[in-house]
Amino acid sequence: MTADNDASCVVLVVDDDSDVCETLQTVLEVSGYRVAAAANGREALDALRRGLRPCLILLDLMMPVMNGLEFRAEQRSDPAIAAVPVVVVSGDHHVAEKATEMGLEGLAKPIDIDDLLQLVARFCGPPTEMQ
């Protein structure tokens, strides 16, 4: 991410599956959003603690190093980053229930692109104009 990025329009994708991460990044960038990515919860926390303030975090649940539940607990305990919105994105058949238990919304994989873009627009506003 470059220094001139407006952090308010950055979506942070946290997923250990590089194909999922790249697909989400491509869809969001083509739609006009900026994207940062992390392969696990630890990387995401490190980026947030270095000052990244995305408009939304798309969080996978099952990841090595630090899973989504562990990430969310750490995020909520840190006042500097606790308010950053999070949506759970998971292939777990019970993603809606698990997200609700975490006090979050959930999107099931495979992700419907229209649902994803509506969700991101709700949290981040409309995408920037394509140049």
N, C-alpha and C. Protein backbone atom coordinates (compact mmCIF):
# COMPACT_ATOMS: atom_id res chain seq x y z
N MET A 1 0.84 -1.17 0.00
CA MET A 1 0.00 0.00 0.00
C MET A 1 0.88 1.23 0.00
N THR A 2 0.54 2.21 -0.81
CA THR A 2 1.36 3.41 -0.90
C THR A 2 0.90 4.44 0.11
N ALA A 3 1.75 5.40 0.37
CA ALA A 3 1.47 6.40 1.40
C ALA A 3 0.31 7.31 1.01
N ASP A 4 0.02 7.48 -0.30
CA ASP A 4 -1.04 8.39 -0.70
C ASP A 4 -2.42 7.75 -0.67
N ASN A 5 -2.53 6.50 -0.30
CA ASN A 5 -3.83 5.86 -0.20
C ASN A 5 -4.67 6.51 0.88
N ASP A 6 -5.95 6.68 0.58
CA ASP A 6 -6.90 7.14 1.58
C ASP A 6 -7.34 5.91 2.36
N ALA A 7 -6.90 5.80 3.61
CA ALA A 7 -7.17 4.60 4.40
C ALA A 7 -8.65 4.34 4.55
N SER A 8 -9.49 5.37 4.44
CA SER A 8 -10.91 5.17 4.63
C SER A 8 -11.54 4.33 3.53
N CYS A 9 -10.86 4.17 2.41
CA CYS A 9 -11.45 3.38 1.33
C CYS A 9 -10.68 2.08 1.09
N VAL A 10 -9.89 1.66 2.06
CA VAL A 10 -9.15 0.42 1.95
C VAL A 10 -9.94 -0.71 2.63
N VAL A 11 -10.04 -1.84 1.93
CA VAL A 11 -10.63 -3.04 2.49
C VAL A 11 -9.48 -3.99 2.82
N LEU A 12 -9.44 -4.49 4.04
CA LEU A 12 -8.41 -5.45 4.44
C LEU A 12 -8.97 -6.85 4.32
N VAL A 13 -8.38 -7.66 3.45
CA VAL A 13 -8.78 -9.05 3.26
C VAL A 13 -7.81 -9.92 4.05
N VAL A 14 -8.35 -10.72 4.97
CA VAL A 14 -7.53 -11.58 5.81
C VAL A 14 -7.93 -13.03 5.52
N ASP A 15 -7.08 -13.72 4.75
CA ASP A 15 -7.40 -15.08 4.34
C ASP A 15 -6.10 -15.78 3.96
N ASP A 16 -5.92 -17.02 4.42
CA ASP A 16 -4.70 -17.76 4.12
C ASP A 16 -4.74 -18.43 2.75
N ASP A 17 -5.90 -18.50 2.12
CA ASP A 17 -6.03 -19.09 0.79
C ASP A 17 -5.68 -18.01 -0.24
N SER A 18 -4.52 -18.14 -0.87
CA SER A 18 -4.06 -17.10 -1.79
C SER A 18 -5.00 -16.91 -2.98
N ASP A 19 -5.65 -17.98 -3.44
CA ASP A 19 -6.60 -17.84 -4.54
C ASP A 19 -7.80 -16.99 -4.13
N VAL A 20 -8.33 -17.24 -2.95
CA VAL A 20 -9.46 -16.46 -2.45
C VAL A 20 -9.04 -15.00 -2.27
N CYS A 21 -7.88 -14.81 -1.67
CA CYS A 21 -7.37 -13.47 -1.42
C CYS A 21 -7.20 -12.70 -2.74
N GLU A 22 -6.58 -13.33 -3.71
CA GLU A 22 -6.35 -12.68 -5.01
C GLU A 22 -7.67 -12.39 -5.73
N THR A 23 -8.62 -13.30 -5.65
CA THR A 23 -9.91 -13.10 -6.30
C THR A 23 -10.65 -11.92 -5.67
N LEU A 24 -10.71 -11.90 -4.34
CA LEU A 24 -11.37 -10.79 -3.66
C LEU A 24 -10.68 -9.47 -3.98
N GLN A 25 -9.36 -9.49 -3.97
CA GLN A 25 -8.61 -8.28 -4.27
C GLN A 25 -8.92 -7.79 -5.68
N THR A 26 -8.93 -8.69 -6.65
CA THR A 26 -9.21 -8.31 -8.04
C THR A 26 -10.61 -7.74 -8.18
N VAL A 27 -11.60 -8.44 -7.63
CA VAL A 27 -12.99 -7.98 -7.73
C VAL A 27 -13.15 -6.59 -7.11
N LEU A 28 -12.58 -6.41 -5.93
CA LEU A 28 -12.72 -5.13 -5.25
C LEU A 28 -11.97 -4.01 -5.97
N GLU A 29 -10.77 -4.30 -6.43
CA GLU A 29 -10.00 -3.27 -7.14
C GLU A 29 -10.64 -2.90 -8.47
N VAL A 30 -11.13 -3.87 -9.22
CA VAL A 30 -11.83 -3.59 -10.48
C VAL A 30 -13.08 -2.75 -10.22
N SER A 31 -13.66 -2.93 -9.05
CA SER A 31 -14.87 -2.19 -8.68
C SER A 31 -14.56 -0.81 -8.10
N GLY A 32 -13.28 -0.49 -7.94
CA GLY A 32 -12.88 0.84 -7.51
C GLY A 32 -12.42 0.97 -6.08
N TYR A 33 -12.26 -0.13 -5.36
CA TYR A 33 -11.79 -0.08 -3.98
C TYR A 33 -10.31 -0.40 -3.92
N ARG A 34 -9.65 0.12 -2.90
CA ARG A 34 -8.27 -0.25 -2.62
C ARG A 34 -8.29 -1.41 -1.65
N VAL A 35 -7.29 -2.29 -1.76
CA VAL A 35 -7.27 -3.50 -0.96
C VAL A 35 -5.89 -3.71 -0.36
N ALA A 36 -5.89 -4.11 0.91
CA ALA A 36 -4.69 -4.61 1.57
C ALA A 36 -4.99 -6.05 1.94
N ALA A 37 -3.97 -6.88 2.02
CA ALA A 37 -4.19 -8.30 2.31
C ALA A 37 -3.26 -8.79 3.41
N ALA A 38 -3.75 -9.78 4.15
CA ALA A 38 -2.96 -10.44 5.19
C ALA A 38 -3.30 -11.93 5.13
N ALA A 39 -2.29 -12.77 5.33
CA ALA A 39 -2.46 -14.22 5.22
C ALA A 39 -2.97 -14.86 6.50
N ASN A 40 -3.01 -14.10 7.60
CA ASN A 40 -3.51 -14.64 8.87
C ASN A 40 -3.81 -13.48 9.82
N GLY A 41 -4.40 -13.81 10.94
CA GLY A 41 -4.77 -12.78 11.89
C GLY A 41 -3.61 -12.00 12.46
N ARG A 42 -2.47 -12.66 12.65
CA ARG A 42 -1.29 -11.98 13.18
C ARG A 42 -0.82 -10.90 12.22
N GLU A 43 -0.74 -11.23 10.92
CA GLU A 43 -0.33 -10.23 9.93
C GLU A 43 -1.31 -9.06 9.90
N ALA A 44 -2.60 -9.36 10.01
CA ALA A 44 -3.62 -8.31 10.01
C ALA A 44 -3.46 -7.40 11.23
N LEU A 45 -3.27 -7.99 12.40
CA LEU A 45 -3.06 -7.19 13.62
C LEU A 45 -1.82 -6.32 13.50
N ASP A 46 -0.76 -6.88 12.95
CA ASP A 46 0.47 -6.10 12.78
C ASP A 46 0.22 -4.89 11.89
N ALA A 47 -0.50 -5.09 10.79
CA ALA A 47 -0.80 -3.97 9.87
C ALA A 47 -1.67 -2.92 10.57
N LEU A 48 -2.67 -3.37 11.31
CA LEU A 48 -3.54 -2.43 12.04
C LEU A 48 -2.76 -1.67 13.09
N ARG A 49 -1.88 -2.34 13.78
CA ARG A 49 -1.10 -1.68 14.84
C ARG A 49 -0.03 -0.75 14.28
N ARG A 50 0.30 -0.93 13.00
CA ARG A 50 1.22 -0.01 12.32
C ARG A 50 0.47 1.20 11.76
N GLY A 51 -0.86 1.21 11.89
CA GLY A 51 -1.61 2.39 11.48
C GLY A 51 -2.62 2.19 10.37
N LEU A 52 -2.70 1.02 9.76
CA LEU A 52 -3.71 0.79 8.74
C LEU A 52 -5.09 0.90 9.38
N ARG A 53 -5.96 1.70 8.79
CA ARG A 53 -7.33 1.84 9.28
C ARG A 53 -8.29 1.63 8.12
N PRO A 54 -8.56 0.37 7.81
CA PRO A 54 -9.47 0.09 6.70
C PRO A 54 -10.90 0.44 7.06
N CYS A 55 -11.72 0.61 6.03
CA CYS A 55 -13.14 0.85 6.26
C CYS A 55 -13.84 -0.46 6.62
N LEU A 56 -13.20 -1.59 6.28
CA LEU A 56 -13.78 -2.90 6.52
C LEU A 56 -12.70 -3.97 6.50
N ILE A 57 -12.86 -4.98 7.36
CA ILE A 57 -12.00 -6.16 7.34
C ILE A 57 -12.87 -7.35 6.93
N LEU A 58 -12.45 -8.06 5.90
CA LEU A 58 -13.08 -9.32 5.49
C LEU A 58 -12.22 -10.43 6.08
N LEU A 59 -12.76 -11.15 7.05
CA LEU A 59 -11.99 -12.05 7.89
C LEU A 59 -12.38 -13.52 7.72
N ASP A 60 -11.43 -14.34 7.29
CA ASP A 60 -11.62 -15.78 7.26
C ASP A 60 -11.53 -16.29 8.70
N LEU A 61 -12.17 -17.42 8.96
CA LEU A 61 -12.13 -17.98 10.31
C LEU A 61 -10.98 -18.95 10.51
N MET A 62 -10.75 -19.84 9.54
CA MET A 62 -9.76 -20.90 9.71
C MET A 62 -8.48 -20.54 8.98
N MET A 63 -7.45 -20.15 9.78
CA MET A 63 -6.15 -19.77 9.25
C MET A 63 -5.07 -20.24 10.21
N PRO A 64 -3.87 -20.46 9.69
CA PRO A 64 -2.75 -20.80 10.57
C PRO A 64 -2.26 -19.56 11.31
N VAL A 65 -1.39 -19.73 12.24
CA VAL A 65 -0.74 -18.69 13.03
C VAL A 65 -1.73 -18.03 13.99
N MET A 66 -2.76 -17.37 13.46
CA MET A 66 -3.82 -16.79 14.28
C MET A 66 -5.11 -16.85 13.48
N ASN A 67 -6.09 -17.60 13.99
CA ASN A 67 -7.35 -17.75 13.27
C ASN A 67 -8.26 -16.54 13.47
N GLY A 68 -9.41 -16.57 12.83
CA GLY A 68 -10.32 -15.44 12.89
C GLY A 68 -10.87 -15.15 14.28
N LEU A 69 -11.17 -16.18 15.03
CA LEU A 69 -11.67 -15.98 16.40
C LEU A 69 -10.61 -15.32 17.28
N GLU A 70 -9.37 -15.79 17.16
CA GLU A 70 -8.27 -15.22 17.94
C GLU A 70 -8.02 -13.77 17.53
N PHE A 71 -8.05 -13.52 16.21
CA PHE A 71 -7.87 -12.16 15.72
C PHE A 71 -8.93 -11.23 16.30
N ARG A 72 -10.18 -11.66 16.23
CA ARG A 72 -11.29 -10.81 16.70
C ARG A 72 -11.16 -10.51 18.20
N ALA A 73 -10.76 -11.50 18.99
CA ALA A 73 -10.56 -11.27 20.42
C ALA A 73 -9.47 -10.22 20.66
N GLU A 74 -8.36 -10.34 19.94
CA GLU A 74 -7.25 -9.38 20.07
C GLU A 74 -7.69 -7.99 19.59
N GLN A 75 -8.40 -7.95 18.48
CA GLN A 75 -8.85 -6.67 17.93
C GLN A 75 -9.77 -5.97 18.93
N ARG A 76 -10.71 -6.69 19.48
CA ARG A 76 -11.67 -6.08 20.41
C ARG A 76 -11.01 -5.61 21.70
N SER A 77 -9.89 -6.21 22.08
CA SER A 77 -9.21 -5.82 23.32
C SER A 77 -8.29 -4.62 23.13
N ASP A 78 -8.11 -4.16 21.90
CA ASP A 78 -7.22 -3.04 21.61
C ASP A 78 -8.07 -1.82 21.22
N PRO A 79 -8.20 -0.84 22.11
CA PRO A 79 -9.07 0.31 21.84
C PRO A 79 -8.75 1.05 20.55
N ALA A 80 -7.50 1.01 20.11
CA ALA A 80 -7.10 1.72 18.90
C ALA A 80 -7.69 1.11 17.63
N ILE A 81 -8.01 -0.18 17.68
CA ILE A 81 -8.51 -0.85 16.46
C ILE A 81 -9.84 -1.57 16.66
N ALA A 82 -10.39 -1.49 17.86
CA ALA A 82 -11.61 -2.24 18.18
C ALA A 82 -12.80 -1.83 17.32
N ALA A 83 -12.86 -0.59 16.89
CA ALA A 83 -14.02 -0.10 16.16
C ALA A 83 -13.98 -0.38 14.65
N VAL A 84 -12.88 -0.92 14.15
CA VAL A 84 -12.82 -1.21 12.72
C VAL A 84 -13.81 -2.34 12.41
N PRO A 85 -14.75 -2.10 11.48
CA PRO A 85 -15.77 -3.11 11.17
C PRO A 85 -15.17 -4.39 10.58
N VAL A 86 -15.76 -5.52 10.96
CA VAL A 86 -15.31 -6.83 10.50
C VAL A 86 -16.51 -7.61 10.00
N VAL A 87 -16.32 -8.30 8.87
CA VAL A 87 -17.30 -9.26 8.37
C VAL A 87 -16.59 -10.58 8.18
N VAL A 88 -17.18 -11.64 8.71
CA VAL A 88 -16.61 -12.98 8.59
C VAL A 88 -16.91 -13.52 7.19
N VAL A 89 -15.87 -14.06 6.55
CA VAL A 89 -16.00 -14.70 5.24
C VAL A 89 -15.45 -16.10 5.39
N SER A 90 -16.31 -17.11 5.23
CA SER A 90 -15.87 -18.46 5.52
C SER A 90 -16.61 -19.49 4.67
N GLY A 91 -15.93 -20.60 4.45
CA GLY A 91 -16.54 -21.74 3.78
C GLY A 91 -17.28 -22.64 4.75
N ASP A 92 -17.24 -22.32 6.03
CA ASP A 92 -17.94 -23.09 7.05
C ASP A 92 -19.44 -23.00 6.80
N HIS A 93 -20.13 -24.13 6.81
CA HIS A 93 -21.57 -24.15 6.55
C HIS A 93 -22.36 -23.41 7.62
N HIS A 94 -21.75 -23.15 8.75
CA HIS A 94 -22.42 -22.45 9.85
C HIS A 94 -21.87 -21.03 10.02
N VAL A 95 -21.42 -20.44 8.92
CA VAL A 95 -20.79 -19.11 9.01
C VAL A 95 -21.74 -18.08 9.60
N ALA A 96 -23.01 -18.11 9.26
CA ALA A 96 -23.95 -17.12 9.79
C ALA A 96 -24.04 -17.21 11.31
N GLU A 97 -24.16 -18.44 11.82
CA GLU A 97 -24.25 -18.63 13.27
C GLU A 97 -22.96 -18.22 13.98
N LYS A 98 -21.83 -18.62 13.40
CA LYS A 98 -20.54 -18.29 14.01
C LYS A 98 -20.30 -16.78 14.00
N ALA A 99 -20.66 -16.13 12.90
CA ALA A 99 -20.51 -14.68 12.82
C ALA A 99 -21.39 -14.00 13.87
N THR A 100 -22.62 -14.46 14.00
CA THR A 100 -23.54 -13.89 14.98
C THR A 100 -23.00 -14.05 16.39
N GLU A 101 -22.43 -15.22 16.69
CA GLU A 101 -21.83 -15.45 18.01
C GLU A 101 -20.69 -14.47 18.28
N MET A 102 -20.02 -14.03 17.22
CA MET A 102 -18.92 -13.08 17.35
C MET A 102 -19.42 -11.63 17.32
N GLY A 103 -20.73 -11.45 17.13
CA GLY A 103 -21.29 -10.12 17.04
C GLY A 103 -21.06 -9.47 15.69
N LEU A 104 -20.92 -10.31 14.64
CA LEU A 104 -20.58 -9.84 13.31
C LEU A 104 -21.56 -10.36 12.27
N GLU A 105 -21.43 -9.85 11.06
CA GLU A 105 -22.13 -10.39 9.91
C GLU A 105 -21.23 -11.43 9.26
N GLY A 106 -21.83 -12.29 8.44
CA GLY A 106 -21.04 -13.31 7.76
C GLY A 106 -21.43 -13.46 6.31
N LEU A 107 -20.44 -13.81 5.49
CA LEU A 107 -20.64 -14.15 4.09
C LEU A 107 -20.10 -15.55 3.87
N ALA A 108 -20.89 -16.39 3.24
CA ALA A 108 -20.45 -17.76 2.98
C ALA A 108 -19.68 -17.83 1.66
N LYS A 109 -18.61 -18.63 1.67
CA LYS A 109 -17.89 -18.95 0.43
C LYS A 109 -18.60 -20.13 -0.22
N PRO A 110 -18.72 -20.18 -1.52
CA PRO A 110 -18.27 -19.15 -2.46
C PRO A 110 -19.12 -17.89 -2.32
N ILE A 111 -18.47 -16.76 -2.46
CA ILE A 111 -19.10 -15.47 -2.22
C ILE A 111 -19.82 -14.98 -3.46
N ASP A 112 -21.05 -14.55 -3.27
CA ASP A 112 -21.80 -13.90 -4.34
C ASP A 112 -21.22 -12.49 -4.51
N ILE A 113 -20.76 -12.18 -5.71
CA ILE A 113 -20.08 -10.90 -5.97
C ILE A 113 -20.99 -9.71 -5.68
N ASP A 114 -22.25 -9.79 -6.09
CA ASP A 114 -23.17 -8.68 -5.84
C ASP A 114 -23.36 -8.45 -4.34
N ASP A 115 -23.50 -9.54 -3.57
CA ASP A 115 -23.62 -9.42 -2.11
C ASP A 115 -22.37 -8.78 -1.51
N LEU A 116 -21.20 -9.21 -2.00
CA LEU A 116 -19.93 -8.67 -1.51
C LEU A 116 -19.86 -7.17 -1.77
N LEU A 117 -20.15 -6.75 -2.99
CA LEU A 117 -20.03 -5.34 -3.34
C LEU A 117 -21.05 -4.48 -2.59
N GLN A 118 -22.24 -5.00 -2.37
CA GLN A 118 -23.24 -4.26 -1.59
C GLN A 118 -22.76 -4.10 -0.15
N LEU A 119 -22.20 -5.16 0.40
CA LEU A 119 -21.70 -5.12 1.77
C LEU A 119 -20.56 -4.12 1.90
N VAL A 120 -19.62 -4.18 0.99
CA VAL A 120 -18.47 -3.26 1.04
C VAL A 120 -18.95 -1.82 0.88
N ALA A 121 -19.88 -1.58 -0.02
CA ALA A 121 -20.40 -0.22 -0.21
C ALA A 121 -21.09 0.29 1.04
N ARG A 122 -21.76 -0.60 1.76
CA ARG A 122 -22.44 -0.20 3.00
C ARG A 122 -21.44 0.30 4.04
N PHE A 123 -20.28 -0.37 4.14
CA PHE A 123 -19.28 0.00 5.13
C PHE A 123 -18.31 1.07 4.64
N CYS A 124 -18.02 1.05 3.35
CA CYS A 124 -16.95 1.91 2.80
C CYS A 124 -17.46 3.02 1.91
N GLY A 125 -18.73 3.03 1.62
CA GLY A 125 -19.25 4.02 0.68
C GLY A 125 -19.03 3.56 -0.75
N PRO A 126 -19.46 4.37 -1.69
CA PRO A 126 -19.29 3.97 -3.09
C PRO A 126 -17.82 3.93 -3.46
N PRO A 127 -17.49 3.09 -4.44
CA PRO A 127 -16.08 3.00 -4.85
C PRO A 127 -15.62 4.30 -5.49
N THR A 128 -14.31 4.49 -5.52
CA THR A 128 -13.75 5.67 -6.17
C THR A 128 -13.96 5.57 -7.67
N GLU A 129 -13.96 6.70 -8.32
CA GLU A 129 -14.13 6.72 -9.77
C GLU A 129 -12.94 6.03 -10.43
N MET A 130 -13.24 5.22 -11.42
CA MET A 130 -12.17 4.58 -12.17
C MET A 130 -11.56 5.61 -13.10
N GLN A 131 -10.25 5.70 -13.13
CA GLN A 131 -9.55 6.68 -13.96
C GLN A 131 -9.31 6.15 -15.34
